[in-house]
PDB file of N, CA and C in Angstrom:
ATOM      1  N   UNK A   1     109.912  97.472 113.542  1.00  0.00           N
ATOM      2  CA  UNK A   1     108.712  98.256 113.544  1.00  0.00           C
ATOM      3  C   UNK A   1     108.093  98.187 112.152  1.00  0.00           C
ATOM      4  N   UNK A   2     106.773  98.096 112.113  1.00  0.00           N
ATOM      5  CA  UNK A   2     106.013  98.055 110.870  1.00  0.00           C
ATOM      6  C   UNK A   2     105.000  99.193 110.918  1.00  0.00           C
ATOM      7  N   UNK A   3     104.753  99.837 109.785  1.00  0.00           N
ATOM      8  CA  UNK A   3     103.770 100.919 109.715  1.00  0.00           C
ATOM      9  C   UNK A   3     102.706 100.576 108.688  1.00  0.00           C
ATOM     10  N   UNK A   4     101.454 100.854 109.050  1.00  0.00           N
ATOM     11  CA  UNK A   4     100.341 100.692 108.115  1.00  0.00           C
ATOM     12  C   UNK A   4      99.551 101.990 108.085  1.00  0.00           C
ATOM     13  N   UNK A   5      98.948 102.283 106.942  1.00  0.00           N
ATOM     14  CA  UNK A   5      98.149 103.491 106.796  1.00  0.00           C
ATOM     15  C   UNK A   5      96.751 103.145 106.330  1.00  0.00           C
ATOM     16  N   UNK A   6      95.816 104.020 106.617  1.00  0.00           N
ATOM     17  CA  UNK A   6      94.417 103.791 106.278  1.00  0.00           C
ATOM     18  C   UNK A   6      93.915 104.848 105.298  1.00  0.00           C
ATOM     19  N   UNK A   7      92.755 104.561 104.709  1.00  0.00           N
ATOM     20  CA  UNK A   7      92.032 105.555 103.934  1.00  0.00           C
ATOM     21  C   UNK A   7      90.671 105.735 104.584  1.00  0.00           C
ATOM     22  N   UNK A   8      90.016 106.835 104.279  1.00  0.00           N
ATOM     23  CA  UNK A   8      88.695 107.080 104.849  1.00  0.00           C
ATOM     24  C   UNK A   8      88.617 108.439 105.515  1.00  0.00           C
ATOM     25  N   UNK A   9      87.554 108.642 106.274  1.00  0.00           N
ATOM     26  CA  UNK A   9      87.296 109.948 106.884  1.00  0.00           C
ATOM     27  C   UNK A   9      88.259 110.300 108.001  1.00  0.00           C
ATOM     28  N   UNK A  10      88.672 109.362 108.777  1.00  0.00           N
ATOM     29  CA  UNK A  10      89.600 109.612 109.896  1.00  0.00           C
ATOM     30  C   UNK A  10      90.765 108.629 109.825  1.00  0.00           C
ATOM     31  N   UNK A  11      91.585 108.755 108.795  1.00  0.00           N
ATOM     32  CA  UNK A  11      92.657 107.775 108.621  1.00  0.00           C
ATOM     33  C   UNK A  11      93.735 107.920 109.674  1.00  0.00           C
ATOM     34  N   UNK A  12      94.370 106.819 109.965  1.00  0.00           N
ATOM     35  CA  UNK A  12      95.490 106.856 110.902  1.00  0.00           C
ATOM     36  C   UNK A  12      96.619 105.985 110.387  1.00  0.00           C
ATOM     37  N   UNK A  13      97.788 106.284 110.907  1.00  0.00           N
ATOM     38  CA  UNK A  13      98.972 105.466 110.669  1.00  0.00           C
ATOM     39  C   UNK A  13      99.212 104.716 111.966  1.00  0.00           C
ATOM     40  N   UNK A  14      99.387 103.412 111.873  1.00  0.00           N
ATOM     41  CA  UNK A  14      99.629 102.601 113.058  1.00  0.00           C
ATOM     42  C   UNK A  14     101.030 102.019 112.966  1.00  0.00           C
ATOM     43  N   UNK A  15     101.799 102.197 114.022  1.00  0.00           N
ATOM     44  CA  UNK A  15     103.128 101.590 114.127  1.00  0.00           C
ATOM     45  C   UNK A  15     103.008 100.359 115.009  1.00  0.00           C
ATOM     46  N   UNK A  16     103.501  99.252 114.522  1.00  0.00           N
ATOM     47  CA  UNK A  16     103.388  97.967 115.195  1.00  0.00           C
ATOM     48  C   UNK A  16     104.774  97.428 115.539  1.00  0.00           C
ATOM     49  N   UNK A  17     104.846  96.669 116.606  1.00  0.00           N
ATOM     50  CA  UNK A  17     106.048  95.897 116.907  1.00  0.00           C
ATOM     51  C   UNK A  17     106.033  94.693 115.972  1.00  0.00           C
ATOM     52  N   UNK A  18     107.044  94.551 115.153  1.00  0.00           N
ATOM     53  CA  UNK A  18     107.085  93.495 114.145  1.00  0.00           C
ATOM     54  C   UNK A  18     107.138  92.095 114.751  1.00  0.00           C
ATOM     55  N   UNK A  19     107.624  91.955 115.960  1.00  0.00           N
ATOM     56  CA  UNK A  19     107.758  90.645 116.595  1.00  0.00           C
ATOM     57  C   UNK A  19     106.507  90.226 117.352  1.00  0.00           C
ATOM     58  N   UNK A  20     105.840  91.178 118.010  1.00  0.00           N
ATOM     59  CA  UNK A  20     104.704  90.838 118.863  1.00  0.00           C
ATOM     60  C   UNK A  20     103.356  91.192 118.251  1.00  0.00           C
ATOM     61  N   UNK A  21     103.342  92.103 117.266  1.00  0.00           N
ATOM     62  CA  UNK A  21     102.088  92.552 116.680  1.00  0.00           C
ATOM     63  C   UNK A  21     101.353  93.575 117.532  1.00  0.00           C
ATOM     64  N   UNK A  22     101.998  94.038 118.589  1.00  0.00           N
ATOM     65  CA  UNK A  22     101.399  95.015 119.496  1.00  0.00           C
ATOM     66  C   UNK A  22     101.522  96.414 118.897  1.00  0.00           C
ATOM     67  N   UNK A  23     100.455  97.207 119.032  1.00  0.00           N
ATOM     68  CA  UNK A  23     100.476  98.587 118.558  1.00  0.00           C
ATOM     69  C   UNK A  23     101.423  99.411 119.422  1.00  0.00           C
ATOM     70  N   UNK A  24     102.342 100.119 118.770  1.00  0.00           N
ATOM     71  CA  UNK A  24     103.293 100.984 119.475  1.00  0.00           C
ATOM     72  C   UNK A  24     102.787 102.417 119.506  1.00  0.00           C
ATOM     73  N   UNK A  25     102.340 102.916 118.371  1.00  0.00           N
ATOM     74  CA  UNK A  25     101.877 104.298 118.247  1.00  0.00           C
ATOM     75  C   UNK A  25     100.760 104.382 117.222  1.00  0.00           C
ATOM     76  N   UNK A  26      99.918 105.374 117.379  1.00  0.00           N
ATOM     77  CA  UNK A  26      98.907 105.715 116.388  1.00  0.00           C
ATOM     78  C   UNK A  26      99.105 107.193 116.065  1.00  0.00           C
ATOM     79  N   UNK A  27      99.256 107.491 114.771  1.00  0.00           N
ATOM     80  CA  UNK A  27      99.455 108.864 114.311  1.00  0.00           C
ATOM     81  C   UNK A  27      98.237 109.266 113.498  1.00  0.00           C
ATOM     82  N   UNK A  28      97.627 110.381 113.853  1.00  0.00           N
ATOM     83  CA  UNK A  28      96.492 110.912 113.101  1.00  0.00           C
ATOM     84  C   UNK A  28      96.896 112.269 112.565  1.00  0.00           C
ATOM     85  N   UNK A  29      97.141 112.338 111.265  1.00  0.00           N
ATOM     86  CA  UNK A  29      97.569 113.591 110.665  1.00  0.00           C
ATOM     87  C   UNK A  29      96.817 113.877 109.367  1.00  0.00           C
ATOM     88  N   UNK A  30      96.849 112.937 108.443  1.00  0.00           N
ATOM     89  CA  UNK A  30      96.221 113.137 107.137  1.00  0.00           C
ATOM     90  C   UNK A  30      94.703 113.076 107.278  1.00  0.00           C
ATOM     91  N   UNK A  31      93.992 113.735 106.354  1.00  0.00           N
ATOM     92  CA  UNK A  31      92.544 113.849 106.496  1.00  0.00           C
ATOM     93  C   UNK A  31      91.730 112.933 105.582  1.00  0.00           C
ATOM     94  N   UNK A  32      92.307 112.453 104.494  1.00  0.00           N
ATOM     95  CA  UNK A  32      91.542 111.597 103.574  1.00  0.00           C
ATOM     96  C   UNK A  32      92.147 110.219 103.381  1.00  0.00           C
ATOM     97  N   UNK A  33      93.346 110.026 103.841  1.00  0.00           N
ATOM     98  CA  UNK A  33      93.976 108.720 103.699  1.00  0.00           C
ATOM     99  C   UNK A  33      95.479 108.841 103.572  1.00  0.00           C
ATOM    100  N   UNK A  34      96.125 107.704 103.582  1.00  0.00           N
ATOM    101  CA  UNK A  34      97.581 107.619 103.470  1.00  0.00           C
ATOM    102  C   UNK A  34      97.888 106.791 102.237  1.00  0.00           C
ATOM    103  N   UNK A  35      98.619 107.378 101.283  1.00  0.00           N
ATOM    104  CA  UNK A  35      98.906 106.645 100.045  1.00  0.00           C
ATOM    105  C   UNK A  35     100.251 105.936 100.081  1.00  0.00           C
ATOM    106  N   UNK A  36     101.229 106.473 100.813  1.00  0.00           N
ATOM    107  CA  UNK A  36     102.551 105.861 100.874  1.00  0.00           C
ATOM    108  C   UNK A  36     103.172 106.060 102.247  1.00  0.00           C
ATOM    109  N   UNK A  37     103.975 105.094 102.663  1.00  0.00           N
ATOM    110  CA  UNK A  37     104.738 105.164 103.914  1.00  0.00           C
ATOM    111  C   UNK A  37     106.138 104.641 103.655  1.00  0.00           C
ATOM    112  N   UNK A  38     107.126 105.254 104.291  1.00  0.00           N
ATOM    113  CA  UNK A  38     108.496 104.756 104.178  1.00  0.00           C
ATOM    114  C   UNK A  38     109.287 105.180 105.411  1.00  0.00           C
ATOM    115  N   UNK A  39     110.119 104.272 105.915  1.00  0.00           N
ATOM    116  CA  UNK A  39     111.026 104.590 107.009  1.00  0.00           C
ATOM    117  C   UNK A  39     112.352 105.058 106.441  1.00  0.00           C
ATOM    118  N   UNK A  40     113.037 105.924 107.190  1.00  0.00           N
ATOM    119  CA  UNK A  40     114.403 106.305 106.825  1.00  0.00           C
ATOM    120  C   UNK A  40     115.286 105.073 107.015  1.00  0.00           C
ATOM    121  N   UNK A  41     116.480 105.062 106.425  1.00  0.00           N
ATOM    122  CA  UNK A  41     117.354 103.895 106.556  1.00  0.00           C
ATOM    123  C   UNK A  41     117.657 103.496 108.010  1.00  0.00           C
ATOM    124  N   UNK A  42     117.740 104.471 108.921  1.00  0.00           N
ATOM    125  CA  UNK A  42     118.025 104.117 110.319  1.00  0.00           C
ATOM    126  C   UNK A  42     116.752 103.838 111.114  1.00  0.00           C
ATOM    127  N   UNK A  43     115.581 103.990 110.497  1.00  0.00           N
ATOM    128  CA  UNK A  43     114.318 103.674 111.147  1.00  0.00           C
ATOM    129  C   UNK A  43     113.798 104.731 112.095  1.00  0.00           C
ATOM    130  N   UNK A  44     114.473 105.867 112.196  1.00  0.00           N
ATOM    131  CA  UNK A  44     114.060 106.904 113.139  1.00  0.00           C
ATOM    132  C   UNK A  44     113.024 107.865 112.585  1.00  0.00           C
ATOM    133  N   UNK A  45     112.882 107.922 111.273  1.00  0.00           N
ATOM    134  CA  UNK A  45     111.917 108.833 110.653  1.00  0.00           C
ATOM    135  C   UNK A  45     110.937 108.037 109.809  1.00  0.00           C
ATOM    136  N   UNK A  46     109.689 108.481 109.821  1.00  0.00           N
ATOM    137  CA  UNK A  46     108.652 107.879 108.986  1.00  0.00           C
ATOM    138  C   UNK A  46     108.102 108.967 108.074  1.00  0.00           C
ATOM    139  N   UNK A  47     108.125 108.711 106.776  1.00  0.00           N
ATOM    140  CA  UNK A  47     107.584 109.647 105.798  1.00  0.00           C
ATOM    141  C   UNK A  47     106.235 109.091 105.345  1.00  0.00           C
ATOM    142  N   UNK A  48     105.225 109.964 105.350  1.00  0.00           N
ATOM    143  CA  UNK A  48     103.906 109.552 104.871  1.00  0.00           C
ATOM    144  C   UNK A  48     103.414 110.562 103.840  1.00  0.00           C
ATOM    145  N   UNK A  49     102.706 110.053 102.839  1.00  0.00           N
ATOM    146  CA  UNK A  49     102.115 110.904 101.810  1.00  0.00           C
ATOM    147  C   UNK A  49     100.609 110.764 101.922  1.00  0.00           C
ATOM    148  N   UNK A  50      99.939 111.900 102.063  1.00  0.00           N
ATOM    149  CA  UNK A  50      98.490 111.886 102.234  1.00  0.00           C
ATOM    150  C   UNK A  50      97.742 111.837 100.920  1.00  0.00           C
ATOM    151  N   UNK A  51      96.495 111.419 101.010  1.00  0.00           N
ATOM    152  CA  UNK A  51      95.605 111.405  99.858  1.00  0.00           C
ATOM    153  C   UNK A  51      94.741 112.663  99.837  1.00  0.00           C
ATOM    154  N   UNK A  52      95.106 113.642 100.679  1.00  0.00           N
ATOM    155  CA  UNK A  52      94.404 114.911 100.728  1.00  0.00           C
ATOM    156  C   UNK A  52      94.531 115.590  99.366  1.00  0.00           C
ATOM    157  N   UNK A  53      93.753 116.619  99.129  1.00  0.00           N
ATOM    158  CA  UNK A  53      93.811 117.315  97.840  1.00  0.00           C
ATOM    159  C   UNK A  53      95.192 117.875  97.543  1.00  0.00           C
ATOM    160  N   UNK A  54      95.931 118.280  98.568  1.00  0.00           N
ATOM    161  CA  UNK A  54      97.262 118.848  98.356  1.00  0.00           C
ATOM    162  C   UNK A  54      98.379 117.823  98.494  1.00  0.00           C
ATOM    163  N   UNK A  55      98.054 116.554  98.731  1.00  0.00           N
ATOM    164  CA  UNK A  55      99.043 115.457  98.825  1.00  0.00           C
ATOM    165  C   UNK A  55     100.202 115.794  99.767  1.00  0.00           C
ATOM    166  N   UNK A  56      99.881 116.246 100.960  1.00  0.00           N
ATOM    167  CA  UNK A  56     100.915 116.623 101.922  1.00  0.00           C
ATOM    168  C   UNK A  56     101.849 115.464 102.237  1.00  0.00           C
ATOM    169  N   UNK A  57     103.121 115.806 102.387  1.00  0.00           N
ATOM    170  CA  UNK A  57     104.143 114.848 102.804  1.00  0.00           C
ATOM    171  C   UNK A  57     104.492 115.184 104.247  1.00  0.00           C
ATOM    172  N   UNK A  58     104.417 114.196 105.122  1.00  0.00           N
ATOM    173  CA  UNK A  58     104.715 114.400 106.537  1.00  0.00           C
ATOM    174  C   UNK A  58     105.939 113.570 106.911  1.00  0.00           C
ATOM    175  N   UNK A  59     106.839 114.160 107.666  1.00  0.00           N
ATOM    176  CA  UNK A  59     108.006 113.441 108.183  1.00  0.00           C
ATOM    177  C   UNK A  59     107.877 113.432 109.698  1.00  0.00           C
ATOM    178  N   UNK A  60     107.803 112.250 110.288  1.00  0.00           N
ATOM    179  CA  UNK A  60     107.630 112.108 111.732  1.00  0.00           C
ATOM    180  C   UNK A  60     108.822 111.398 112.335  1.00  0.00           C
ATOM    181  N   UNK A  61     109.259 111.887 113.495  1.00  0.00           N
ATOM    182  CA  UNK A  61     110.327 111.221 114.246  1.00  0.00           C
ATOM    183  C   UNK A  61     109.684 110.122 115.077  1.00  0.00           C
ATOM    184  N   UNK A  62     110.128 108.896 114.898  1.00  0.00           N
ATOM    185  CA  UNK A  62     109.506 107.754 115.578  1.00  0.00           C
ATOM    186  C   UNK A  62     110.566 106.923 116.280  1.00  0.00           C
ATOM    187  N   UNK A  63     110.461 106.868 117.580  1.00  0.00           N
ATOM    188  CA  UNK A  63     111.363 106.056 118.385  1.00  0.00           C
ATOM    189  C   UNK A  63     110.509 105.197 119.304  1.00  0.00           C
ATOM    190  N   UNK A  64     111.014 104.057 119.692  1.00  0.00           N
ATOM    191  CA  UNK A  64     110.272 103.186 120.594  1.00  0.00           C
ATOM    192  C   UNK A  64     110.017 103.850 121.949  1.00  0.00           C
ATOM    193  N   UNK A  65     110.934 104.712 122.397  1.00  0.00           N
ATOM    194  CA  UNK A  65     110.847 105.253 123.748  1.00  0.00           C
ATOM    195  C   UNK A  65     110.312 106.680 123.815  1.00  0.00           C
ATOM    196  N   UNK A  66     109.707 107.197 122.750  1.00  0.00           N
ATOM    197  CA  UNK A  66     109.126 108.541 122.806  1.00  0.00           C
ATOM    198  C   UNK A  66     107.924 108.626 121.881  1.00  0.00           C
ATOM    199  N   UNK A  67     107.166 109.687 122.009  1.00  0.00           N
ATOM    200  CA  UNK A  67     106.014 109.902 121.138  1.00  0.00           C
ATOM    201  C   UNK A  67     106.483 110.267 119.739  1.00  0.00           C
ATOM    202  N   UNK A  68     105.694 109.891 118.744  1.00  0.00           N
ATOM    203  CA  UNK A  68     105.984 110.309 117.378  1.00  0.00           C
ATOM    204  C   UNK A  68     105.641 111.777 117.256  1.00  0.00           C
ATOM    205  N   UNK A  69     106.542 112.514 116.708  1.00  0.00           N
ATOM    206  CA  UNK A  69     106.361 113.947 116.547  1.00  0.00           C
ATOM    207  C   UNK A  69     106.528 114.282 115.073  1.00  0.00           C
ATOM    208  N   UNK A  70     105.548 114.976 114.517  1.00  0.00           N
ATOM    209  CA  UNK A  70     105.655 115.417 113.133  1.00  0.00           C
ATOM    210  C   UNK A  70     106.687 116.539 113.090  1.00  0.00           C
ATOM    211  N   UNK A  71     107.773 116.325 112.373  1.00  0.00           N
ATOM    212  CA  UNK A  71     108.854 117.302 112.340  1.00  0.00           C
ATOM    213  C   UNK A  71     108.834 118.166 111.084  1.00  0.00           C
ATOM    214  N   UNK A  72     108.078 117.758 110.070  1.00  0.00           N
ATOM    215  CA  UNK A  72     108.094 118.521 108.830  1.00  0.00           C
ATOM    216  C   UNK A  72     106.868 118.150 107.994  1.00  0.00           C
ATOM    217  N   UNK A  73     106.220 119.150 107.426  1.00  0.00           N
ATOM    218  CA  UNK A  73     105.114 118.923 106.498  1.00  0.00           C
ATOM    219  C   UNK A  73     105.413 119.695 105.230  1.00  0.00           C
ATOM    220  N   UNK A  74     105.378 119.010 104.093  1.00  0.00           N
ATOM    221  CA  UNK A  74     105.747 119.619 102.822  1.00  0.00           C
ATOM    222  C   UNK A  74     104.636 119.359 101.801  1.00  0.00           C
ATOM    223  N   UNK A  75     104.090 120.404 101.180  1.00  0.00           N
ATOM    224  CA  UNK A  75     103.174 120.141 100.057  1.00  0.00           C
ATOM    225  C   UNK A  75     103.951 119.387  98.984  1.00  0.00           C
ATOM    226  N   UNK A  76     103.378 118.337  98.444  1.00  0.00           N
ATOM    227  CA  UNK A  76     104.121 117.459  97.543  1.00  0.00           C
ATOM    228  C   UNK A  76     104.632 118.152  96.298  1.00  0.00           C
ATOM    229  N   UNK A  77     103.959 119.169  95.797  1.00  0.00           N
ATOM    230  CA  UNK A  77     104.456 119.833  94.591  1.00  0.00           C
ATOM    231  C   UNK A  77     105.797 120.521  94.848  1.00  0.00           C
ATOM    232  N   UNK A  78     106.086 120.933  96.097  1.00  0.00           N
ATOM    233  CA  UNK A  78     107.400 121.499  96.426  1.00  0.00           C
ATOM    234  C   UNK A  78     108.480 120.421  96.331  1.00  0.00           C
ATOM    235  N   UNK A  79     108.166 119.228  96.801  1.00  0.00           N
ATOM    236  CA  UNK A  79     109.147 118.149  96.771  1.00  0.00           C
ATOM    237  C   UNK A  79     109.483 117.745  95.336  1.00  0.00           C
ATOM    238  N   UNK A  80     108.473 117.759  94.476  1.00  0.00           N
ATOM    239  CA  UNK A  80     108.694 117.379  93.082  1.00  0.00           C
ATOM    240  C   UNK A  80     109.540 118.415  92.353  1.00  0.00           C
ATOM    241  N   UNK A  81     109.323 119.686  92.672  1.00  0.00           N
ATOM    242  CA  UNK A  81     110.058 120.752  91.998  1.00  0.00           C
ATOM    243  C   UNK A  81     111.485 120.905  92.503  1.00  0.00           C
ATOM    244  N   UNK A  82     111.790 120.401  93.700  1.00  0.00           N
ATOM    245  CA  UNK A  82     113.133 120.567  94.273  1.00  0.00           C
ATOM    246  C   UNK A  82     114.138 119.660  93.628  1.00  0.00           C
TER     247      UNK A  82
END
């Protein structure tokens, strides 16, 4: 699985099948853009950092056989202080 993020007014994160190039999921969460994306080591979680004023960090559960569900949203300044 490959993930790409966009910038702009209605940014989205697109999850692609790495072998076929087919779109698996589209996630719309951040409002101004996506600055960083990373998968967990087992590939089940996707972390995204928004370009919003508060730089929200979103953790989404992503599996091939289910919808992506945002499981956690953290203002980035909390993550830095922890």
